[in-house]
């Protein structure tokens, strides 16, 4: 976790912003998108040497 961009575990509060956005009128035109709320862990995993 220390090497990921967020350098910490996520909290329930970290999910509030994306959840409010998706439930709001601001996301009316969002369609078929995966919104990752992972602190950047997928970006970190993708750059690991093999």
N, C-alpha and C. Protein backbone atom coordinates (compact mmCIF):
# COMPACT_ATOMS: atom_id res chain seq x y z
N UNK A 1 0.83 -1.19 0.00
CA UNK A 1 0.00 0.00 0.00
C UNK A 1 0.87 1.25 0.00
N UNK A 2 1.97 1.23 0.67
CA UNK A 2 2.82 2.43 0.75
C UNK A 2 3.32 2.88 -0.62
N UNK A 3 3.43 1.97 -1.57
CA UNK A 3 3.94 2.32 -2.90
C UNK A 3 2.85 2.75 -3.87
N UNK A 4 1.60 2.65 -3.49
CA UNK A 4 0.52 3.08 -4.37
C UNK A 4 0.36 4.59 -4.30
N UNK A 5 -0.25 5.22 -5.29
CA UNK A 5 -0.39 6.68 -5.29
C UNK A 5 -1.06 7.24 -4.04
N UNK A 6 -2.08 6.60 -3.51
CA UNK A 6 -2.76 7.12 -2.32
C UNK A 6 -2.00 6.81 -1.04
N UNK A 7 -1.18 5.78 -1.05
CA UNK A 7 -0.35 5.36 0.10
C UNK A 7 -1.16 5.10 1.37
N UNK A 8 -2.38 4.63 1.21
CA UNK A 8 -3.21 4.30 2.38
C UNK A 8 -4.39 3.45 1.92
N UNK A 9 -5.03 2.80 2.88
CA UNK A 9 -6.26 2.08 2.60
C UNK A 9 -7.39 3.08 2.42
N UNK A 10 -8.37 2.73 1.61
CA UNK A 10 -9.54 3.58 1.43
C UNK A 10 -10.47 3.51 2.63
N UNK A 11 -11.26 4.56 2.78
CA UNK A 11 -12.24 4.63 3.85
C UNK A 11 -13.64 4.76 3.24
N UNK A 12 -14.67 4.53 4.02
CA UNK A 12 -16.02 4.75 3.49
C UNK A 12 -16.21 6.18 2.97
N UNK A 13 -15.55 7.13 3.60
CA UNK A 13 -15.65 8.52 3.16
C UNK A 13 -15.09 8.71 1.76
N UNK A 14 -14.11 7.91 1.37
CA UNK A 14 -13.53 7.99 0.03
C UNK A 14 -14.54 7.60 -1.04
N UNK A 15 -15.54 6.83 -0.68
CA UNK A 15 -16.56 6.40 -1.63
C UNK A 15 -17.71 7.39 -1.76
N UNK A 16 -17.81 8.32 -0.82
CA UNK A 16 -18.95 9.23 -0.83
C UNK A 16 -18.97 10.13 -2.06
N UNK A 17 -17.85 10.71 -2.43
CA UNK A 17 -17.81 11.61 -3.58
C UNK A 17 -18.25 10.93 -4.87
N UNK A 18 -17.65 9.81 -5.22
CA UNK A 18 -18.08 9.11 -6.43
C UNK A 18 -19.54 8.66 -6.37
N UNK A 19 -20.00 8.22 -5.21
CA UNK A 19 -21.40 7.78 -5.09
C UNK A 19 -22.36 8.95 -5.28
N UNK A 20 -22.03 10.10 -4.68
CA UNK A 20 -22.87 11.29 -4.83
C UNK A 20 -22.87 11.73 -6.29
N UNK A 21 -21.70 11.71 -6.92
CA UNK A 21 -21.62 12.08 -8.33
C UNK A 21 -22.51 11.19 -9.19
N UNK A 22 -22.39 9.88 -9.01
CA UNK A 22 -23.16 8.95 -9.84
C UNK A 22 -24.66 9.05 -9.59
N UNK A 23 -25.05 9.47 -8.40
CA UNK A 23 -26.47 9.61 -8.08
C UNK A 23 -27.01 10.99 -8.46
N UNK A 24 -26.15 11.88 -8.91
CA UNK A 24 -26.57 13.25 -9.18
C UNK A 24 -26.85 13.47 -10.67
N UNK A 25 -27.40 14.64 -10.95
CA UNK A 25 -27.66 15.05 -12.33
C UNK A 25 -26.35 15.23 -13.11
N UNK A 26 -25.26 15.46 -12.42
CA UNK A 26 -23.96 15.67 -13.08
C UNK A 26 -23.51 14.45 -13.87
N UNK A 27 -24.03 13.28 -13.52
CA UNK A 27 -23.61 12.06 -14.22
C UNK A 27 -24.62 11.60 -15.27
N UNK A 28 -25.55 12.45 -15.64
CA UNK A 28 -26.58 12.06 -16.61
C UNK A 28 -26.01 11.53 -17.92
N UNK A 29 -24.87 12.03 -18.35
CA UNK A 29 -24.32 11.64 -19.64
C UNK A 29 -23.27 10.54 -19.50
N UNK A 30 -23.03 10.06 -18.29
CA UNK A 30 -22.09 8.97 -18.06
C UNK A 30 -22.80 7.67 -18.40
N UNK A 31 -22.17 6.87 -19.26
CA UNK A 31 -22.82 5.65 -19.72
C UNK A 31 -21.76 4.60 -20.02
N UNK A 32 -21.88 3.44 -19.41
CA UNK A 32 -20.99 2.33 -19.73
C UNK A 32 -19.55 2.53 -19.30
N UNK A 33 -19.34 3.24 -18.22
CA UNK A 33 -17.98 3.51 -17.75
C UNK A 33 -17.76 2.82 -16.41
N UNK A 34 -16.59 2.25 -16.23
CA UNK A 34 -16.22 1.68 -14.94
C UNK A 34 -15.45 2.75 -14.18
N UNK A 35 -15.96 3.15 -13.05
CA UNK A 35 -15.32 4.17 -12.23
C UNK A 35 -14.57 3.47 -11.10
N UNK A 36 -13.27 3.39 -11.23
CA UNK A 36 -12.45 2.75 -10.20
C UNK A 36 -12.20 3.74 -9.08
N UNK A 37 -12.48 3.33 -7.87
CA UNK A 37 -12.21 4.13 -6.68
C UNK A 37 -11.29 3.27 -5.82
N UNK A 38 -10.02 3.23 -6.23
CA UNK A 38 -9.08 2.29 -5.61
C UNK A 38 -7.78 2.93 -5.15
N UNK A 39 -7.71 4.25 -5.16
CA UNK A 39 -6.50 4.92 -4.70
C UNK A 39 -5.31 4.76 -5.63
N UNK A 40 -5.55 4.25 -6.81
CA UNK A 40 -4.49 4.08 -7.80
C UNK A 40 -3.83 2.72 -7.80
N UNK A 41 -4.37 1.77 -7.05
CA UNK A 41 -3.74 0.45 -6.94
C UNK A 41 -3.67 -0.26 -8.29
N UNK A 42 -4.69 -0.11 -9.13
CA UNK A 42 -4.64 -0.78 -10.44
C UNK A 42 -3.54 -0.19 -11.32
N UNK A 43 -3.32 1.10 -11.23
CA UNK A 43 -2.24 1.72 -11.99
C UNK A 43 -0.89 1.21 -11.50
N UNK A 44 -0.75 1.02 -10.20
CA UNK A 44 0.49 0.51 -9.62
C UNK A 44 0.72 -0.93 -10.04
N UNK A 45 -0.29 -1.77 -9.94
CA UNK A 45 -0.16 -3.18 -10.29
C UNK A 45 0.21 -3.33 -11.76
N UNK A 46 -0.33 -2.48 -12.61
CA UNK A 46 -0.04 -2.55 -14.03
C UNK A 46 1.39 -2.21 -14.39
N UNK A 47 2.14 -1.58 -13.49
CA UNK A 47 3.52 -1.17 -13.78
C UNK A 47 4.56 -2.06 -13.10
N UNK A 48 4.13 -3.16 -12.52
CA UNK A 48 5.06 -4.07 -11.85
C UNK A 48 5.93 -4.80 -12.87
N UNK A 49 7.23 -4.92 -12.59
CA UNK A 49 8.08 -5.70 -13.49
C UNK A 49 7.70 -7.17 -13.43
N UNK A 50 7.87 -7.85 -14.55
CA UNK A 50 7.51 -9.27 -14.61
C UNK A 50 8.69 -10.15 -14.34
